[in-house]
N, C-alpha and C. Protein backbone atom coordinates (compact mmCIF):
# COMPACT_ATOMS: atom_id res chain seq x y z
N LEU A 1 -173.19 0.66 -105.00
CA LEU A 1 -173.82 0.08 -103.82
C LEU A 1 -175.44 0.17 -104.39
N PRO A 2 -176.49 -0.65 -104.08
CA PRO A 2 -177.74 -0.53 -104.43
C PRO A 2 -178.31 0.32 -103.44
N ASN A 3 -179.25 1.04 -104.22
CA ASN A 3 -180.18 2.28 -103.70
C ASN A 3 -180.58 1.89 -102.17
N ALA A 4 -180.94 0.56 -102.09
CA ALA A 4 -181.75 0.33 -100.69
C ALA A 4 -180.45 0.58 -99.71
N ILE A 5 -179.09 0.32 -99.94
CA ILE A 5 -178.02 0.60 -99.01
C ILE A 5 -177.61 1.74 -98.92
N LYS A 6 -177.81 2.66 -100.11
CA LYS A 6 -177.46 4.09 -99.94
C LYS A 6 -178.40 4.78 -99.19
N GLU A 7 -179.69 4.59 -99.36
CA GLU A 7 -180.63 4.90 -98.67
C GLU A 7 -180.68 4.78 -97.04
N ALA A 8 -180.06 3.55 -96.64
CA ALA A 8 -180.07 3.30 -95.07
C ALA A 8 -178.86 3.97 -94.69
N VAL A 9 -177.72 4.29 -95.60
CA VAL A 9 -176.59 4.99 -95.39
C VAL A 9 -176.99 6.46 -94.82
N SER A 10 -177.73 6.98 -95.60
CA SER A 10 -178.06 8.26 -95.34
C SER A 10 -179.04 8.53 -94.43
N LEU A 11 -179.99 7.53 -93.92
CA LEU A 11 -180.82 7.38 -92.89
C LEU A 11 -180.06 7.16 -91.46
N VAL A 12 -178.90 6.95 -91.28
CA VAL A 12 -178.53 6.45 -90.11
C VAL A 12 -178.20 7.60 -89.26
N PRO A 13 -177.36 8.61 -89.90
CA PRO A 13 -177.28 9.64 -89.17
C PRO A 13 -178.47 10.68 -88.79
N LYS A 14 -179.50 10.54 -89.69
CA LYS A 14 -180.71 11.21 -89.15
C LYS A 14 -181.47 10.86 -87.99
N LEU A 15 -180.92 9.24 -87.69
CA LEU A 15 -181.79 8.66 -86.78
C LEU A 15 -180.77 8.91 -85.41
N GLY A 16 -179.46 9.59 -85.64
CA GLY A 16 -178.47 9.93 -84.25
C GLY A 16 -177.89 8.77 -84.25
N GLU A 17 -177.73 7.81 -84.95
CA GLU A 17 -177.04 6.51 -84.96
C GLU A 17 -175.77 6.86 -85.80
N ARG A 18 -174.70 5.83 -85.41
CA ARG A 18 -173.14 6.19 -85.82
C ARG A 18 -172.77 5.01 -86.60
N TYR A 19 -173.55 3.85 -86.68
CA TYR A 19 -173.23 2.44 -87.09
C TYR A 19 -174.23 1.79 -88.08
N LEU A 20 -173.87 1.24 -89.29
CA LEU A 20 -174.74 0.55 -90.16
C LEU A 20 -173.86 -0.78 -90.27
N CYS A 21 -174.81 -1.98 -90.06
CA CYS A 21 -174.16 -3.35 -90.45
C CYS A 21 -175.28 -3.79 -91.65
N VAL A 22 -174.40 -4.01 -92.79
CA VAL A 22 -175.06 -4.43 -94.04
C VAL A 22 -174.74 -5.94 -94.03
N ASP A 23 -175.81 -6.77 -93.78
CA ASP A 23 -175.09 -8.18 -93.93
C ASP A 23 -174.51 -8.61 -95.12
N CYS A 24 -174.77 -8.25 -96.10
CA CYS A 24 -174.13 -8.63 -97.64
C CYS A 24 -172.71 -8.20 -97.74
N LEU A 25 -172.55 -6.98 -96.99
CA LEU A 25 -171.05 -6.35 -96.75
C LEU A 25 -170.36 -6.74 -95.84
N CYS A 26 -171.18 -7.31 -94.38
CA CYS A 26 -170.19 -7.36 -93.42
C CYS A 26 -170.28 -9.11 -93.05
N ILE A 27 -170.94 -9.80 -93.55
CA ILE A 27 -170.73 -11.31 -93.51
C ILE A 27 -170.37 -11.80 -94.88
N VAL A 28 -169.15 -12.53 -94.72
CA VAL A 28 -168.78 -13.32 -96.03
C VAL A 28 -170.04 -14.07 -96.53
N GLN A 29 -170.52 -14.17 -97.70
CA GLN A 29 -171.63 -14.96 -98.24
C GLN A 29 -171.43 -16.21 -98.60
N ASP A 30 -170.09 -16.99 -98.36
CA ASP A 30 -169.67 -18.43 -98.63
C ASP A 30 -170.59 -19.31 -97.96
N ASP A 31 -170.85 -20.50 -98.44
CA ASP A 31 -171.45 -21.62 -97.75
C ASP A 31 -171.19 -21.58 -96.28
N ASP A 32 -169.88 -21.90 -95.96
CA ASP A 32 -169.18 -22.10 -94.70
C ASP A 32 -169.52 -21.17 -93.93
N SER A 33 -169.07 -19.72 -94.28
CA SER A 33 -169.17 -18.80 -93.14
C SER A 33 -170.33 -18.31 -92.81
N ILE A 34 -171.51 -18.37 -93.65
CA ILE A 34 -172.67 -17.92 -93.40
C ILE A 34 -173.37 -18.82 -92.36
N ARG A 35 -173.11 -20.01 -92.49
CA ARG A 35 -173.76 -21.01 -91.47
C ARG A 35 -173.76 -20.77 -90.14
N GLY A 36 -172.64 -20.16 -89.72
CA GLY A 36 -172.30 -19.86 -88.41
C GLY A 36 -172.99 -18.48 -88.04
N HIS A 37 -173.07 -17.57 -88.99
CA HIS A 37 -173.63 -16.26 -88.68
C HIS A 37 -175.52 -16.49 -88.75
N VAL A 38 -175.61 -17.37 -89.56
CA VAL A 38 -177.20 -17.79 -89.62
C VAL A 38 -177.44 -18.18 -88.13
N ASN A 39 -176.96 -18.85 -87.70
CA ASN A 39 -177.14 -19.62 -86.15
C ASN A 39 -177.11 -18.45 -85.26
N HIS A 40 -176.41 -17.48 -85.49
CA HIS A 40 -176.56 -16.20 -84.38
C HIS A 40 -177.27 -14.95 -84.64
N MET A 41 -178.28 -15.22 -85.74
CA MET A 41 -178.98 -13.91 -86.49
C MET A 41 -179.87 -13.39 -85.39
N SER A 42 -180.52 -14.14 -84.46
CA SER A 42 -181.21 -13.51 -83.57
C SER A 42 -180.56 -12.85 -82.38
N ASP A 43 -179.24 -13.42 -82.11
CA ASP A 43 -178.69 -12.62 -81.16
C ASP A 43 -178.12 -11.44 -81.70
N ILE A 44 -177.83 -11.26 -82.97
CA ILE A 44 -177.36 -10.06 -83.83
C ILE A 44 -178.33 -9.09 -84.14
N TYR A 45 -179.30 -9.29 -84.44
CA TYR A 45 -180.74 -8.33 -84.47
C TYR A 45 -181.42 -8.14 -83.43
N SER A 46 -181.08 -8.77 -82.39
CA SER A 46 -182.05 -8.74 -81.31
C SER A 46 -181.79 -7.44 -80.49
N GLY A 47 -180.43 -7.08 -80.68
CA GLY A 47 -179.87 -5.55 -80.10
C GLY A 47 -179.90 -4.66 -81.21
N ALA A 48 -180.26 -4.80 -82.18
CA ALA A 48 -180.69 -3.70 -83.14
C ALA A 48 -181.39 -2.39 -82.75
N TYR A 49 -181.09 -1.22 -83.12
CA TYR A 49 -181.98 -0.16 -82.62
C TYR A 49 -183.20 -0.20 -84.07
N LEU A 50 -182.42 -0.62 -85.14
CA LEU A 50 -183.67 -0.53 -86.15
C LEU A 50 -183.16 -1.87 -87.11
N THR A 51 -183.97 -2.81 -87.85
CA THR A 51 -183.69 -3.45 -88.73
C THR A 51 -184.37 -3.10 -90.05
N ILE A 52 -183.78 -2.87 -91.23
CA ILE A 52 -184.22 -2.81 -92.44
C ILE A 52 -183.96 -3.83 -93.43
N ILE A 53 -185.17 -4.34 -93.82
CA ILE A 53 -185.29 -5.44 -94.81
C ILE A 53 -185.52 -5.36 -95.90
N SER A 54 -184.53 -5.44 -97.04
CA SER A 54 -184.78 -5.05 -98.34
C SER A 54 -184.76 -6.41 -99.67
N ALA A 55 -185.46 -6.67 -100.31
CA ALA A 55 -185.14 -7.89 -101.29
C ALA A 55 -185.30 -7.42 -102.82
């Protein structure tokens, strides 16, 4: 796993949270599957306690 994901995994329990969604692991990244998820990104992330973006 990339360091950014490892750091996020260790941060989650420190924040008192139980779940972490990593889109590149939780969403199939092929063209057909990702289109449907991209259309719902605002719904998905608007309910998030915290959003971490890494490039």
